[in-house]
C-alpha atoms as a PDB file:
ATOM      1  CA  UNK A   1     -86.847  24.456  32.454  1.00  0.00           C
ATOM      2  CA  UNK A   2     -83.718  25.869  33.930  1.00  0.00           C
ATOM      3  CA  UNK A   3     -80.330  23.752  34.076  1.00  0.00           C
ATOM      4  CA  UNK A   4     -79.058  22.486  37.456  1.00  0.00           C
ATOM      5  CA  UNK A   5     -74.936  24.232  37.582  1.00  0.00           C
ATOM      6  CA  UNK A   6     -74.102  21.384  38.584  1.00  0.00           C
ATOM      7  CA  UNK A   7     -72.240  18.493  37.355  1.00  0.00           C
ATOM      8  CA  UNK A   8     -73.228  14.849  39.054  1.00  0.00           C
ATOM      9  CA  UNK A   9     -70.543  13.383  40.957  1.00  0.00           C
ATOM     10  CA  UNK A  10     -69.936   9.811  41.293  1.00  0.00           C
ATOM     11  CA  UNK A  11     -70.448   7.717  44.814  1.00  0.00           C
ATOM     12  CA  UNK A  12     -66.171   7.249  43.869  1.00  0.00           C
ATOM     13  CA  UNK A  13     -65.372  10.988  43.076  1.00  0.00           C
ATOM     14  CA  UNK A  14     -67.395  11.756  46.979  1.00  0.00           C
ATOM     15  CA  UNK A  15     -65.576   9.243  48.513  1.00  0.00           C
ATOM     16  CA  UNK A  16     -62.656  11.072  46.713  1.00  0.00           C
ATOM     17  CA  UNK A  17     -63.741  14.080  48.401  1.00  0.00           C
ATOM     18  CA  UNK A  18     -64.348  13.045  51.114  1.00  0.00           C
ATOM     19  CA  UNK A  19     -60.159  11.745  52.010  1.00  0.00           C
ATOM     20  CA  UNK A  20     -59.259  15.373  50.511  1.00  0.00           C
ATOM     21  CA  UNK A  21     -61.013  16.625  53.485  1.00  0.00           C
ATOM     22  CA  UNK A  22     -58.517  14.176  55.577  1.00  0.00           C
ATOM     23  CA  UNK A  23     -61.214  10.449  56.128  1.00  0.00           C
ATOM     24  CA  UNK A  24     -58.966   7.886  56.236  1.00  0.00           C
ATOM     25  CA  UNK A  25     -60.502   4.736  53.687  1.00  0.00           C
ATOM     26  CA  UNK A  26     -59.715   1.942  54.146  1.00  0.00           C
ATOM     27  CA  UNK A  27     -62.178  -0.698  51.801  1.00  0.00           C
ATOM     28  CA  UNK A  28     -63.367   2.081  49.312  1.00  0.00           C
ATOM     29  CA  UNK A  29     -66.037  -0.922  48.146  1.00  0.00           C
ATOM     30  CA  UNK A  30     -67.023  -1.098  51.683  1.00  0.00           C
ATOM     31  CA  UNK A  31     -67.460   2.823  51.549  1.00  0.00           C
ATOM     32  CA  UNK A  32     -69.019   2.762  48.212  1.00  0.00           C
ATOM     33  CA  UNK A  33     -71.525   0.346  49.715  1.00  0.00           C
ATOM     34  CA  UNK A  34     -72.169   1.736  52.444  1.00  0.00           C
ATOM     35  CA  UNK A  35     -72.345   5.201  51.056  1.00  0.00           C
ATOM     36  CA  UNK A  36     -75.000   4.081  47.919  1.00  0.00           C
ATOM     37  CA  UNK A  37     -76.921   2.568  50.820  1.00  0.00           C
ATOM     38  CA  UNK A  38     -77.671   5.558  52.367  1.00  0.00           C
ATOM     39  CA  UNK A  39     -76.872   8.372  50.569  1.00  0.00           C
ATOM     40  CA  UNK A  40     -73.423  10.690  50.684  1.00  0.00           C
ATOM     41  CA  UNK A  41     -75.043  13.886  51.846  1.00  0.00           C
ATOM     42  CA  UNK A  42     -76.950  11.845  54.769  1.00  0.00           C
ATOM     43  CA  UNK A  43     -73.370  10.487  55.738  1.00  0.00           C
ATOM     44  CA  UNK A  44     -72.008  14.147  55.845  1.00  0.00           C
ATOM     45  CA  UNK A  45     -74.402  14.471  58.147  1.00  0.00           C
ATOM     46  CA  UNK A  46     -73.653  12.477  60.505  1.00  0.00           C
ATOM     47  CA  UNK A  47     -70.309  13.386  60.370  1.00  0.00           C
ATOM     48  CA  UNK A  48     -70.340  16.949  61.345  1.00  0.00           C
ATOM     49  CA  UNK A  49     -69.254  17.043  64.276  1.00  0.00           C
ATOM     50  CA  UNK A  50     -66.841  14.882  62.836  1.00  0.00           C
ATOM     51  CA  UNK A  51     -64.927  17.778  61.070  1.00  0.00           C
ATOM     52  CA  UNK A  52     -62.419  21.019  62.700  1.00  0.00           C
ATOM     53  CA  UNK A  53     -64.629  24.298  62.308  1.00  0.00           C
ATOM     54  CA  UNK A  54     -61.306  26.041  62.224  1.00  0.00           C
ATOM     55  CA  UNK A  55     -59.891  24.552  59.085  1.00  0.00           C
ATOM     56  CA  UNK A  56     -62.623  22.043  57.201  1.00  0.00           C
ATOM     57  CA  UNK A  57     -61.452  19.262  57.640  1.00  0.00           C
ATOM     58  CA  UNK A  58     -61.704  16.043  59.154  1.00  0.00           C
ATOM     59  CA  UNK A  59     -60.175  15.919  62.587  1.00  0.00           C
ATOM     60  CA  UNK A  60     -57.113  13.383  62.819  1.00  0.00           C
ATOM     61  CA  UNK A  61     -57.521   9.850  62.249  1.00  0.00           C
ATOM     62  CA  UNK A  62     -61.677   9.768  61.604  1.00  0.00           C
ATOM     63  CA  UNK A  63     -61.748   6.522  59.430  1.00  0.00           C
ATOM     64  CA  UNK A  64     -64.148   5.222  57.286  1.00  0.00           C
ATOM     65  CA  UNK A  65     -64.067   1.417  58.983  1.00  0.00           C
ATOM     66  CA  UNK A  66     -66.731  -0.898  59.874  1.00  0.00           C
END
């Protein structure tokens, strides 16, 4: 069996990656709960229109809020 080349990242690490790209996450515990329920990659799919294609970063004031 072939090993998967990428390391598994925790939900917290994935949310930190979103923050690094400019997303504001005021309540990390709420964001973790929602991300674990719907899945990080589905969340990223919904967030594509919030990312500036030129820079690869979220538009200003993009927030993970309830």
